[in-house]
N, C-alpha and C. Protein backbone atom coordinates (compact mmCIF):
# COMPACT_ATOMS: atom_id res chain seq x y z
N UNK A 1 -129.94 219.46 72.30
CA UNK A 1 -130.73 218.20 72.06
C UNK A 1 -130.23 217.60 70.79
N UNK A 2 -129.96 216.29 70.87
CA UNK A 2 -129.56 215.41 69.64
C UNK A 2 -130.66 214.97 68.96
N UNK A 3 -130.58 214.93 67.59
CA UNK A 3 -131.61 214.47 66.71
C UNK A 3 -131.28 213.18 66.16
N UNK A 4 -130.19 212.45 66.42
CA UNK A 4 -129.83 211.28 65.79
C UNK A 4 -128.94 210.35 66.84
N UNK A 5 -128.91 209.11 66.58
CA UNK A 5 -128.09 208.18 67.33
C UNK A 5 -127.17 207.34 66.27
N UNK A 6 -126.17 206.80 66.91
CA UNK A 6 -125.19 206.01 65.98
C UNK A 6 -125.68 204.49 66.22
N UNK A 7 -125.91 203.85 65.11
CA UNK A 7 -126.33 202.36 65.12
C UNK A 7 -125.26 201.59 64.25
N UNK A 8 -124.62 200.72 65.01
CA UNK A 8 -123.68 199.87 64.29
C UNK A 8 -124.31 198.93 63.16
N UNK A 9 -123.61 199.02 62.01
CA UNK A 9 -124.39 198.16 60.90
C UNK A 9 -124.49 196.64 61.20
N UNK A 10 -123.69 196.18 62.21
CA UNK A 10 -123.72 194.76 62.74
C UNK A 10 -124.63 194.57 63.86
N UNK A 11 -125.58 195.62 64.11
CA UNK A 11 -126.21 195.67 65.33
C UNK A 11 -127.21 194.22 65.42
N UNK A 12 -127.81 193.84 64.29
CA UNK A 12 -128.77 192.75 64.32
C UNK A 12 -127.98 191.47 64.24
N UNK A 13 -126.81 191.58 63.73
CA UNK A 13 -126.10 190.27 63.69
C UNK A 13 -125.16 189.99 64.93
N UNK A 14 -125.10 190.98 65.84
CA UNK A 14 -124.28 190.86 67.01
C UNK A 14 -124.74 189.76 67.93
N UNK A 15 -123.96 189.08 68.52
CA UNK A 15 -124.36 187.99 69.34
C UNK A 15 -125.18 188.39 70.48
N UNK A 16 -124.93 189.54 71.10
CA UNK A 16 -125.85 190.04 72.19
C UNK A 16 -127.21 190.33 71.79
N UNK A 17 -127.29 190.93 70.54
CA UNK A 17 -128.60 191.26 69.93
C UNK A 17 -129.40 189.97 69.69
N UNK A 18 -128.59 188.97 69.06
CA UNK A 18 -129.20 187.65 68.72
C UNK A 18 -129.95 187.08 69.99
N UNK A 19 -129.13 187.15 71.08
CA UNK A 19 -129.71 186.60 72.38
C UNK A 19 -130.92 187.41 72.68
N UNK A 20 -130.95 188.64 72.60
CA UNK A 20 -132.08 189.58 72.87
C UNK A 20 -133.30 189.18 72.02
N UNK A 21 -133.06 188.86 70.77
CA UNK A 21 -134.23 188.51 69.81
C UNK A 21 -134.72 187.14 70.24
N UNK A 22 -133.82 186.25 70.54
CA UNK A 22 -134.21 184.82 71.06
C UNK A 22 -135.01 184.87 72.18
N UNK A 23 -134.74 185.96 73.22
CA UNK A 23 -135.50 186.03 74.42
C UNK A 23 -136.68 186.78 74.30
N UNK A 24 -136.68 187.81 73.57
CA UNK A 24 -137.85 188.82 73.62
C UNK A 24 -138.52 188.87 72.23
N UNK A 25 -137.89 188.41 71.27
CA UNK A 25 -138.49 188.46 69.90
C UNK A 25 -137.92 189.80 69.22
N UNK A 26 -138.28 189.91 67.88
CA UNK A 26 -137.90 191.09 67.25
C UNK A 26 -138.45 192.32 67.95
N UNK A 27 -139.48 192.30 68.41
CA UNK A 27 -140.10 193.41 69.19
C UNK A 27 -139.03 193.95 70.23
N UNK A 28 -138.34 193.06 70.98
CA UNK A 28 -137.45 193.42 71.88
C UNK A 28 -136.25 194.28 71.33
N UNK A 29 -135.82 193.88 70.09
CA UNK A 29 -134.75 194.64 69.54
C UNK A 29 -135.24 196.02 69.01
N UNK A 30 -136.45 196.01 68.52
CA UNK A 30 -136.96 197.43 68.09
C UNK A 30 -137.13 198.35 69.37
N UNK A 31 -137.64 197.73 70.44
CA UNK A 31 -137.68 198.51 71.75
C UNK A 31 -136.46 199.01 72.09
N UNK A 32 -135.26 198.24 71.99
CA UNK A 32 -133.99 198.65 72.45
C UNK A 32 -133.65 200.00 71.62
N UNK A 33 -133.88 199.96 70.34
CA UNK A 33 -133.54 201.10 69.58
C UNK A 33 -134.43 202.32 69.92
N UNK A 34 -135.51 201.94 70.13
CA UNK A 34 -136.49 202.98 70.55
C UNK A 34 -136.23 203.66 71.99
N UNK A 35 -135.66 202.73 72.81
CA UNK A 35 -135.18 203.19 73.99
C UNK A 35 -133.97 204.15 73.84
N UNK A 36 -133.09 203.80 73.07
CA UNK A 36 -131.84 204.65 72.76
C UNK A 36 -132.26 205.94 72.10
N UNK A 37 -133.28 205.99 71.27
CA UNK A 37 -133.77 207.36 70.61
C UNK A 37 -134.26 208.13 71.77
N UNK A 38 -135.10 207.65 72.66
CA UNK A 38 -135.80 208.39 73.68
C UNK A 38 -134.62 208.96 74.61
N UNK A 39 -133.66 208.07 74.99
CA UNK A 39 -132.68 208.64 75.83
C UNK A 39 -131.86 209.76 75.23
N UNK A 40 -131.56 209.63 73.92
CA UNK A 40 -130.70 210.66 73.07
C UNK A 40 -131.50 212.00 73.13
N UNK A 41 -132.86 211.86 73.15
CA UNK A 41 -133.76 212.99 72.93
C UNK A 41 -133.97 213.83 74.39
N UNK A 42 -134.03 212.92 75.41
CA UNK A 42 -134.33 213.48 76.73
C UNK A 42 -133.16 213.29 77.77
N UNK A 43 -132.36 212.49 77.61
CA UNK A 43 -131.20 212.27 78.62
C UNK A 43 -130.02 212.04 77.81
N UNK A 44 -129.41 213.11 77.29
CA UNK A 44 -128.18 212.78 76.27
C UNK A 44 -127.05 212.25 76.95
N UNK A 45 -126.84 212.40 78.37
CA UNK A 45 -125.79 211.86 79.02
C UNK A 45 -126.00 210.45 79.42
N UNK A 46 -127.06 209.85 78.95
CA UNK A 46 -127.38 208.43 79.15
C UNK A 46 -127.84 208.08 80.55
N UNK A 47 -127.95 208.99 81.46
CA UNK A 47 -128.47 208.75 82.77
C UNK A 47 -130.01 208.96 82.84
N UNK A 48 -130.77 208.00 83.14
CA UNK A 48 -132.20 208.22 83.14
C UNK A 48 -132.79 208.45 84.60
N UNK A 49 -132.23 209.58 85.06
CA UNK A 49 -132.60 209.92 86.50
C UNK A 49 -134.12 210.06 86.71
N UNK A 50 -134.56 209.44 87.79
CA UNK A 50 -135.95 209.46 88.18
C UNK A 50 -136.77 208.40 87.50
N UNK A 51 -136.26 207.75 86.35
CA UNK A 51 -137.06 206.72 85.71
C UNK A 51 -137.05 205.37 86.44
N UNK A 52 -138.32 204.73 86.31
CA UNK A 52 -138.34 203.46 87.11
C UNK A 52 -138.28 202.44 85.87
N UNK A 53 -138.28 201.20 86.32
CA UNK A 53 -138.44 200.04 85.34
C UNK A 53 -139.59 200.21 84.43
N UNK A 54 -140.70 200.48 84.96
CA UNK A 54 -142.07 200.83 84.23
C UNK A 54 -141.79 201.89 83.15
N UNK A 55 -141.24 203.00 83.66
CA UNK A 55 -141.00 204.12 82.82
C UNK A 55 -140.01 203.85 81.65
N UNK A 56 -139.11 202.88 81.87
CA UNK A 56 -138.08 202.42 80.90
C UNK A 56 -138.96 201.68 79.79
N UNK A 57 -139.78 200.83 80.20
CA UNK A 57 -140.64 200.02 79.31
C UNK A 57 -141.55 200.81 78.43
N UNK A 58 -142.08 201.93 78.99
CA UNK A 58 -142.95 202.82 78.39
C UNK A 58 -142.22 203.67 77.35
N UNK A 59 -141.08 204.09 77.67
CA UNK A 59 -140.23 204.87 76.67
C UNK A 59 -139.75 203.94 75.61
N UNK A 60 -139.55 202.67 75.88
CA UNK A 60 -139.08 201.75 74.83
C UNK A 60 -140.29 201.28 73.96
N UNK A 61 -141.47 201.49 74.38
CA UNK A 61 -142.70 201.04 73.81
C UNK A 61 -142.94 199.64 73.70
N UNK A 62 -142.28 199.07 74.85
CA UNK A 62 -142.63 197.62 75.20
C UNK A 62 -144.07 197.17 75.43
N UNK A 63 -144.65 196.21 74.60
CA UNK A 63 -145.91 195.77 74.75
C UNK A 63 -146.13 194.29 75.35
N UNK A 64 -145.13 193.77 75.65
CA UNK A 64 -145.09 192.39 76.04
C UNK A 64 -145.46 192.26 77.65
N UNK A 65 -145.03 191.20 78.29
CA UNK A 65 -145.20 190.92 79.69
C UNK A 65 -144.58 192.01 80.44
N UNK A 66 -145.33 192.63 81.30
CA UNK A 66 -144.79 193.77 82.12
C UNK A 66 -143.62 193.26 82.91
N UNK A 67 -142.44 194.03 82.89
CA UNK A 67 -141.41 193.95 83.62
C UNK A 67 -140.26 192.84 82.91
N UNK A 68 -140.67 192.37 81.84
CA UNK A 68 -139.90 191.37 81.18
C UNK A 68 -138.73 192.07 80.46
N UNK A 69 -139.08 193.19 79.81
CA UNK A 69 -138.11 193.90 78.99
C UNK A 69 -137.17 194.51 79.87
N UNK A 70 -137.50 195.30 80.87
CA UNK A 70 -136.52 195.97 81.86
C UNK A 70 -135.78 194.96 82.67
N UNK A 71 -136.23 193.81 83.09
CA UNK A 71 -135.50 192.77 83.81
C UNK A 71 -134.40 192.28 82.88
N UNK A 72 -134.58 191.98 81.54
CA UNK A 72 -133.72 191.37 80.70
C UNK A 72 -132.61 192.48 80.38
N UNK A 73 -133.04 193.57 80.12
CA UNK A 73 -132.06 194.69 79.82
C UNK A 73 -130.98 194.93 81.06
N UNK A 74 -131.56 194.74 82.22
CA UNK A 74 -130.76 194.96 83.47
C UNK A 74 -129.77 193.70 83.50
N UNK A 75 -130.34 192.48 83.41
CA UNK A 75 -129.66 191.25 83.51
C UNK A 75 -128.42 191.18 82.50
N UNK A 76 -128.87 191.58 81.28
CA UNK A 76 -127.71 191.43 80.25
C UNK A 76 -126.97 192.69 80.04
N UNK A 77 -126.97 193.67 80.95
CA UNK A 77 -126.35 194.78 80.91
C UNK A 77 -126.41 195.63 79.73
N UNK A 78 -127.70 195.65 78.98
CA UNK A 78 -128.11 196.73 78.11
C UNK A 78 -128.32 197.98 78.88
N UNK A 79 -128.84 197.80 80.16
CA UNK A 79 -129.08 199.02 80.97
C UNK A 79 -128.36 198.66 82.46
N UNK A 80 -127.88 199.68 82.96
CA UNK A 80 -127.07 199.57 84.27
C UNK A 80 -127.82 200.24 85.37
N UNK A 81 -127.73 199.70 86.58
CA UNK A 81 -128.27 200.41 87.69
C UNK A 81 -127.08 201.01 88.49
N UNK A 82 -127.12 202.34 88.55
CA UNK A 82 -126.04 203.04 89.26
C UNK A 82 -126.29 203.53 90.50
N UNK A 83 -125.62 204.50 91.07
CA UNK A 83 -125.77 205.11 92.42
C UNK A 83 -127.24 205.50 92.59
N UNK A 84 -127.64 205.43 93.91
CA UNK A 84 -128.92 205.78 94.23
C UNK A 84 -130.04 205.13 93.40
N UNK A 85 -129.68 203.98 92.80
CA UNK A 85 -130.79 203.16 92.01
C UNK A 85 -131.05 203.78 90.73
N UNK A 86 -130.49 204.74 90.22
CA UNK A 86 -130.85 205.35 88.89
C UNK A 86 -130.36 204.38 87.86
N UNK A 87 -131.06 204.51 86.68
CA UNK A 87 -130.75 203.68 85.57
C UNK A 87 -130.03 204.45 84.41
N UNK A 88 -129.14 203.70 83.82
CA UNK A 88 -128.44 204.42 82.71
C UNK A 88 -128.13 203.38 81.56
N UNK A 89 -128.01 203.94 80.45
CA UNK A 89 -127.64 203.04 79.32
C UNK A 89 -126.30 202.45 79.47
N UNK A 90 -125.95 201.29 79.32
CA UNK A 90 -124.62 200.69 79.40
C UNK A 90 -123.62 201.33 78.39
N UNK A 91 -122.48 201.85 78.80
CA UNK A 91 -121.48 202.27 77.98
C UNK A 91 -121.90 203.43 76.92
N UNK A 92 -122.86 204.25 77.35
CA UNK A 92 -123.41 205.23 76.57
C UNK A 92 -122.45 206.25 76.00
N UNK A 93 -121.43 206.58 76.90
CA UNK A 93 -120.42 207.46 76.54
C UNK A 93 -119.47 207.02 75.38
N UNK A 94 -119.32 205.62 75.35
CA UNK A 94 -118.45 205.04 74.37
C UNK A 94 -119.17 204.95 73.06
N UNK A 95 -120.42 204.43 73.13
CA UNK A 95 -121.09 204.12 71.75
C UNK A 95 -121.94 205.20 71.16
N UNK A 96 -122.20 206.16 71.98
CA UNK A 96 -122.97 207.40 71.53
C UNK A 96 -122.42 208.62 72.03
N UNK A 97 -121.21 208.77 71.71
CA UNK A 97 -120.26 209.96 72.04
C UNK A 97 -120.86 211.25 71.50
N UNK A 98 -121.37 211.14 70.25
CA UNK A 98 -122.01 212.19 69.46
C UNK A 98 -122.98 212.88 70.36
N UNK A 99 -124.03 211.95 70.85
CA UNK A 99 -125.10 212.38 71.67
C UNK A 99 -124.66 212.86 72.95
N UNK A 100 -123.67 212.27 73.60
CA UNK A 100 -123.25 212.47 75.01
C UNK A 100 -122.66 213.85 75.06
N UNK A 101 -121.98 214.43 73.90
CA UNK A 101 -121.33 215.59 73.97
C UNK A 101 -122.16 216.78 73.16
N UNK A 102 -123.45 216.42 72.96
CA UNK A 102 -124.33 217.30 72.16
C UNK A 102 -124.52 218.65 72.97
N UNK A 103 -124.71 218.64 74.34
CA UNK A 103 -124.99 219.82 75.09
C UNK A 103 -123.72 220.68 75.06
N UNK A 104 -122.53 220.06 75.03
CA UNK A 104 -121.30 220.83 75.05
C UNK A 104 -121.21 221.55 73.67
N UNK A 105 -121.40 220.83 72.51
CA UNK A 105 -121.28 221.45 71.37
C UNK A 105 -122.27 222.62 71.16
N UNK A 106 -123.58 222.47 71.72
CA UNK A 106 -124.54 223.60 71.53
C UNK A 106 -123.98 224.78 72.34
N UNK A 107 -123.43 224.47 73.53
CA UNK A 107 -122.85 225.53 74.28
C UNK A 107 -121.78 226.34 73.62
N UNK A 108 -120.85 225.62 73.06
CA UNK A 108 -119.73 226.20 72.24
C UNK A 108 -120.30 227.00 71.07
N UNK A 109 -121.31 226.49 70.37
CA UNK A 109 -121.82 227.08 69.17
C UNK A 109 -122.57 228.46 69.53
N UNK A 110 -123.24 228.36 70.76
CA UNK A 110 -123.99 229.58 71.26
C UNK A 110 -122.88 230.57 71.72
N UNK A 111 -121.84 230.22 72.31
CA UNK A 111 -120.75 231.22 72.67
C UNK A 111 -120.13 231.84 71.53
N UNK A 112 -119.94 231.02 70.48
CA UNK A 112 -119.28 231.50 69.25
C UNK A 112 -120.35 232.61 68.66
N UNK A 113 -121.56 232.22 68.64
CA UNK A 113 -122.56 233.12 68.03
C UNK A 113 -122.55 234.37 68.85
N UNK A 114 -122.58 234.36 70.16
CA UNK A 114 -122.63 235.54 70.98
C UNK A 114 -121.37 236.50 70.61
N UNK A 115 -120.25 235.80 70.41
CA UNK A 115 -119.02 236.59 70.26
C UNK A 115 -119.21 237.28 68.85
N UNK A 116 -119.58 236.71 67.91
CA UNK A 116 -119.83 237.24 66.64
C UNK A 116 -120.78 238.31 66.65
N UNK A 117 -121.92 238.17 67.35
CA UNK A 117 -123.02 239.21 67.54
C UNK A 117 -122.35 240.41 68.27
N UNK A 118 -121.64 240.23 69.29
CA UNK A 118 -120.95 241.37 70.11
C UNK A 118 -120.16 242.18 69.22
N UNK A 119 -119.26 241.43 68.46
CA UNK A 119 -118.34 242.06 67.61
C UNK A 119 -119.06 242.97 66.49
N UNK A 120 -120.19 242.50 65.85
CA UNK A 120 -120.93 243.07 64.92
C UNK A 120 -121.59 244.30 65.60
N UNK A 121 -122.14 244.15 66.75
CA UNK A 121 -122.80 245.28 67.42
C UNK A 121 -121.81 246.45 67.80
N UNK A 122 -120.71 246.01 68.31
CA UNK A 122 -119.72 246.98 68.67
C UNK A 122 -119.25 247.78 67.41
N UNK A 123 -118.98 246.90 66.41
CA UNK A 123 -118.56 247.69 65.15
C UNK A 123 -119.51 248.62 64.69
N UNK A 124 -120.92 248.27 64.66
CA UNK A 124 -121.88 249.15 64.28
C UNK A 124 -122.06 250.46 65.06
N UNK A 125 -121.98 250.11 66.48
CA UNK A 125 -122.11 251.43 67.29
C UNK A 125 -120.90 252.35 67.14
N UNK A 126 -119.60 251.73 67.05
CA UNK A 126 -118.46 252.64 66.70
C UNK A 126 -118.57 253.39 65.49
N UNK A 127 -119.13 252.68 64.29
CA UNK A 127 -119.34 253.31 63.02
C UNK A 127 -120.34 254.40 63.18
N UNK A 128 -121.25 254.26 64.00
CA UNK A 128 -122.36 255.16 64.10
C UNK A 128 -121.76 256.39 64.74
N UNK A 129 -121.14 256.12 65.90
CA UNK A 129 -120.58 257.12 66.73
C UNK A 129 -119.66 258.10 65.90
N UNK A 130 -118.74 257.45 65.05
CA UNK A 130 -117.84 258.22 64.27
C UNK A 130 -118.60 259.17 63.20
N UNK A 131 -119.75 258.50 62.58
CA UNK A 131 -120.56 259.10 61.60
C UNK A 131 -121.21 260.39 62.26
N UNK A 132 -121.68 260.39 63.50
CA UNK A 132 -122.35 261.40 64.14
C UNK A 132 -121.22 262.61 64.38
N UNK A 133 -120.12 262.05 64.87
CA UNK A 133 -119.10 263.07 65.19
C UNK A 133 -118.59 263.89 64.03
N UNK A 134 -118.58 263.13 62.85
CA UNK A 134 -118.07 263.82 61.55
C UNK A 134 -119.27 264.81 61.04
N UNK A 135 -120.45 264.50 61.39
CA UNK A 135 -121.53 265.33 60.82
C UNK A 135 -121.57 266.64 61.68
N UNK A 136 -121.32 266.42 63.01
CA UNK A 136 -121.24 267.60 64.03
C UNK A 136 -120.17 268.58 63.49
N UNK A 137 -118.99 267.95 63.29
CA UNK A 137 -117.80 268.85 62.77
C UNK A 137 -118.00 269.39 61.47
N UNK A 138 -118.66 268.76 60.55
CA UNK A 138 -118.93 269.42 59.25
C UNK A 138 -119.90 270.57 59.47
N UNK A 139 -120.88 270.41 60.27
CA UNK A 139 -121.79 271.47 60.42
C UNK A 139 -121.32 272.81 60.93
N UNK A 140 -120.33 272.59 61.99
CA UNK A 140 -119.82 273.77 62.61
C UNK A 140 -118.61 274.43 61.81
N UNK A 141 -118.01 273.70 60.97
CA UNK A 141 -116.74 274.19 60.25
C UNK A 141 -116.76 274.29 58.88
N UNK A 142 -117.74 273.59 58.20
CA UNK A 142 -117.67 273.60 56.65
C UNK A 142 -118.11 274.99 56.07
N UNK A 143 -117.35 275.52 55.11
CA UNK A 143 -117.86 276.75 54.53
C UNK A 143 -119.05 276.60 53.63
N UNK A 144 -119.73 277.85 53.46
CA UNK A 144 -120.87 277.68 52.66
C UNK A 144 -120.46 277.36 51.16
N UNK A 145 -121.22 276.50 50.47
CA UNK A 145 -120.90 276.26 49.07
C UNK A 145 -122.17 276.60 48.28
N UNK A 146 -121.97 277.39 47.07
CA UNK A 146 -123.18 277.77 46.38
C UNK A 146 -123.53 276.61 45.44
N UNK A 147 -122.69 275.72 45.23
CA UNK A 147 -123.09 274.68 44.31
C UNK A 147 -123.27 273.36 45.14
N UNK A 148 -124.30 272.42 44.76
CA UNK A 148 -124.54 271.27 45.51
C UNK A 148 -123.35 270.36 45.60
N UNK A 149 -123.09 269.69 46.82
CA UNK A 149 -122.16 268.61 46.87
C UNK A 149 -122.48 267.40 46.25
N UNK A 150 -121.64 266.81 45.40
CA UNK A 150 -121.82 265.59 44.76
C UNK A 150 -121.35 264.38 45.61
N UNK A 151 -122.35 263.58 45.94
CA UNK A 151 -122.01 262.48 46.83
C UNK A 151 -121.16 261.41 46.07
N UNK A 152 -120.14 260.91 46.80
CA UNK A 152 -119.45 259.86 46.16
C UNK A 152 -120.05 258.72 46.17
N UNK A 153 -119.66 257.68 45.21
CA UNK A 153 -120.27 256.41 45.09
C UNK A 153 -120.04 255.68 46.30
N UNK A 154 -121.15 254.88 46.91
CA UNK A 154 -120.99 254.03 48.04
C UNK A 154 -120.39 252.79 47.52
N UNK A 155 -119.50 252.28 48.23
CA UNK A 155 -118.78 251.05 48.01
C UNK A 155 -119.44 250.03 48.90
N UNK A 156 -120.03 248.93 48.47
CA UNK A 156 -120.54 247.98 49.35
C UNK A 156 -119.56 246.85 49.60
N UNK A 157 -119.38 246.57 51.00
CA UNK A 157 -118.47 245.50 51.26
C UNK A 157 -119.18 244.31 51.89
N UNK A 158 -118.86 243.08 51.65
CA UNK A 158 -119.67 241.93 52.23
C UNK A 158 -118.87 241.31 53.45
N UNK A 159 -119.61 240.77 54.32
CA UNK A 159 -118.97 240.29 55.35
C UNK A 159 -118.43 239.01 55.03
N UNK A 160 -117.15 238.57 55.62
CA UNK A 160 -116.38 237.53 55.26
C UNK A 160 -117.18 236.22 55.70
N UNK A 161 -117.36 235.35 54.75
CA UNK A 161 -118.19 234.06 54.93
C UNK A 161 -117.45 233.24 55.78
N UNK A 162 -118.09 232.62 56.89
CA UNK A 162 -117.52 231.67 57.70
C UNK A 162 -118.39 230.35 57.52
N UNK A 163 -117.61 229.19 57.23
CA UNK A 163 -118.24 227.92 57.00
C UNK A 163 -119.00 227.59 58.27
N UNK A 164 -120.21 227.17 58.29
CA UNK A 164 -120.86 226.79 59.50
C UNK A 164 -120.65 225.30 59.82
N UNK A 165 -120.84 224.97 61.15
CA UNK A 165 -120.65 223.60 61.63
C UNK A 165 -121.99 222.86 61.30
N UNK A 166 -121.98 221.50 61.36
CA UNK A 166 -123.17 220.75 61.16
C UNK A 166 -124.10 221.13 62.19
N UNK A 167 -123.61 221.30 63.44
CA UNK A 167 -124.58 221.55 64.50
C UNK A 167 -125.35 223.01 64.32
N UNK A 168 -124.61 223.93 63.80
CA UNK A 168 -125.24 225.38 63.39
C UNK A 168 -126.27 225.10 62.48
N UNK A 169 -125.93 224.31 61.57
CA UNK A 169 -126.99 223.95 60.39
C UNK A 169 -128.13 223.39 60.93
N UNK A 170 -127.93 222.32 61.80
CA UNK A 170 -129.07 221.47 62.30
C UNK A 170 -129.88 222.51 63.16
N UNK A 171 -129.23 223.36 64.05
CA UNK A 171 -130.03 224.22 64.87
C UNK A 171 -130.87 225.21 64.04
N UNK A 172 -130.29 225.73 62.91
CA UNK A 172 -131.07 226.61 62.08
C UNK A 172 -132.28 226.00 61.48
N UNK A 173 -132.09 224.73 61.07
CA UNK A 173 -133.11 223.98 60.49
C UNK A 173 -134.22 223.74 61.44
N UNK A 174 -133.79 223.19 62.71
CA UNK A 174 -134.90 223.08 63.71
C UNK A 174 -135.65 224.27 64.03
N UNK A 175 -134.93 225.47 64.05
CA UNK A 175 -135.63 226.85 64.18
C UNK A 175 -136.58 227.18 63.18
N UNK A 176 -136.29 226.81 62.00
CA UNK A 176 -137.14 227.00 60.72
C UNK A 176 -138.17 225.80 60.58
N UNK A 177 -137.98 224.72 61.29
CA UNK A 177 -138.85 223.66 61.37
C UNK A 177 -139.04 222.98 59.90
N UNK A 178 -137.88 222.78 59.18
CA UNK A 178 -137.74 222.23 57.97
C UNK A 178 -137.29 220.72 57.85
N UNK A 179 -137.08 220.14 57.01
CA UNK A 179 -136.67 218.71 56.81
C UNK A 179 -135.35 218.65 56.11
N UNK A 180 -134.69 219.81 56.04
CA UNK A 180 -133.21 219.73 55.43
C UNK A 180 -132.23 218.91 56.19
N UNK A 181 -131.58 217.99 55.59
CA UNK A 181 -130.68 217.24 56.30
C UNK A 181 -129.27 218.01 56.48
N UNK A 182 -128.98 218.25 57.63
CA UNK A 182 -127.74 219.09 57.94
C UNK A 182 -126.53 218.58 57.57
N UNK A 183 -126.31 217.30 57.79
CA UNK A 183 -125.07 216.59 57.39
C UNK A 183 -124.98 216.52 55.74
N UNK A 184 -126.10 216.41 55.13
CA UNK A 184 -126.06 216.25 53.63
C UNK A 184 -125.75 217.52 53.12
N UNK A 185 -126.49 218.71 53.67
CA UNK A 185 -126.13 220.04 53.24
C UNK A 185 -124.72 220.42 53.22
N UNK A 186 -124.11 220.17 54.51
CA UNK A 186 -122.69 220.44 54.82
C UNK A 186 -121.79 219.67 53.90
N UNK A 187 -122.03 218.48 53.63
CA UNK A 187 -121.21 217.50 52.80
C UNK A 187 -121.31 218.05 51.34
N UNK A 188 -122.48 218.47 50.82
CA UNK A 188 -122.65 218.87 49.54
C UNK A 188 -121.84 220.19 49.25
N UNK A 189 -121.84 221.17 50.19
CA UNK A 189 -121.02 222.42 49.95
C UNK A 189 -119.67 222.24 50.15
N UNK A 190 -119.36 221.37 51.15
CA UNK A 190 -117.86 221.04 51.31
C UNK A 190 -117.31 220.47 50.09
N UNK A 191 -118.05 219.67 49.44
CA UNK A 191 -117.58 218.93 48.15
C UNK A 191 -117.30 220.00 47.02
N UNK A 192 -118.22 220.96 47.01
CA UNK A 192 -118.11 221.96 45.84
C UNK A 192 -117.30 223.33 46.18
N UNK A 193 -116.64 223.27 47.44
CA UNK A 193 -115.98 224.45 47.86
C UNK A 193 -116.67 225.61 48.36
N UNK A 194 -118.01 225.23 48.73
CA UNK A 194 -118.89 226.31 49.37
C UNK A 194 -119.26 227.35 48.28
N UNK A 195 -119.60 226.89 47.18
CA UNK A 195 -120.01 227.80 46.13
C UNK A 195 -121.50 227.61 45.68
N UNK A 196 -122.16 228.73 45.30
CA UNK A 196 -123.57 228.61 44.73
C UNK A 196 -123.40 228.97 43.25
N UNK A 197 -123.47 227.90 42.53
CA UNK A 197 -123.15 228.04 41.12
C UNK A 197 -121.65 228.16 40.92
N UNK A 198 -121.28 229.19 40.34
CA UNK A 198 -119.72 229.58 40.12
C UNK A 198 -119.29 230.54 41.17
N UNK A 199 -120.35 231.11 41.80
CA UNK A 199 -119.83 232.08 42.80
C UNK A 199 -119.64 231.57 44.25
N UNK A 200 -118.70 232.28 45.14
CA UNK A 200 -118.64 231.75 46.53
C UNK A 200 -119.80 232.09 47.25
N UNK A 201 -120.16 231.21 48.18
CA UNK A 201 -121.35 231.29 49.03
C UNK A 201 -121.08 232.64 50.01
N UNK A 202 -122.25 233.40 50.01
CA UNK A 202 -122.12 234.58 50.97
C UNK A 202 -123.07 234.34 52.27
N UNK A 203 -124.05 233.53 52.11
CA UNK A 203 -125.09 233.39 53.14
C UNK A 203 -125.45 231.99 53.09
N UNK A 204 -125.09 231.10 53.99
CA UNK A 204 -125.48 229.71 54.07
C UNK A 204 -127.01 229.60 54.47
N UNK A 205 -127.43 230.54 55.37
CA UNK A 205 -128.80 230.60 55.77
C UNK A 205 -129.73 230.64 54.64
N UNK A 206 -129.22 231.50 53.63
CA UNK A 206 -130.28 231.72 52.61
C UNK A 206 -130.25 230.61 51.74
N UNK A 207 -129.11 229.75 51.74
CA UNK A 207 -129.11 228.58 50.82
C UNK A 207 -130.07 227.53 51.52
N UNK A 208 -130.11 227.53 52.78
CA UNK A 208 -131.04 226.61 53.44
C UNK A 208 -132.43 226.76 53.07
N UNK A 209 -132.78 228.09 52.83
CA UNK A 209 -134.09 228.47 52.49
C UNK A 209 -134.45 227.84 51.09
N UNK A 210 -133.32 228.06 50.18
CA UNK A 210 -133.52 227.53 48.84
C UNK A 210 -133.66 225.99 48.90
N UNK A 211 -133.00 225.26 49.68
CA UNK A 211 -133.04 223.74 49.92
C UNK A 211 -134.56 223.43 50.27
N UNK A 212 -135.04 224.29 51.17
CA UNK A 212 -136.49 223.96 51.56
C UNK A 212 -137.41 223.91 50.55
N UNK A 213 -137.17 224.71 49.29
CA UNK A 213 -138.12 224.72 48.26
C UNK A 213 -137.81 223.61 47.27
N UNK A 214 -136.62 222.89 47.35
CA UNK A 214 -136.42 221.88 46.49
C UNK A 214 -136.97 220.62 46.81
């Protein structure tokens, strides 16, 4: 699920937009943006399967004459009518490629997370198995010692830090239901070499929690 859309800085000055405003007023332009936002959230491929012209106007928040917004959008090719009468946003894949590929990005991120989890789980199980085997061997073969065994100092190792993608950051923030801007967070730590103070970052999720409090 995508949480943003791309809007050209010249959207309001574009000839096609000016014609839209001349025909339907500023409300028409706002409704077009609202329609794109709705589609990005619920139909990331741009295909509004099962939606009627009335549904389209409801999604856009159109409050003018019934049918005027959908008729204009179809006539001026803001919206296309494709196979089986389904509606789709015109050239959605070209102008909203980030949204269009959001499902694929989420699938790749999930697959990568599953791989990391499986590696961690297998490593943990193998380490536990080796530990148990060593204990069994020690109990059966170790000679009796009158003096206590001094335990060696435990060396703590840290898992190698992997820089997260913007999509991973966004999904984590959505799961925590916070207002941290994923792109701003990513850009900030990319600029400083992914460091917290003078030290290399070890846990970006913990850094998100810190940002929540700021």
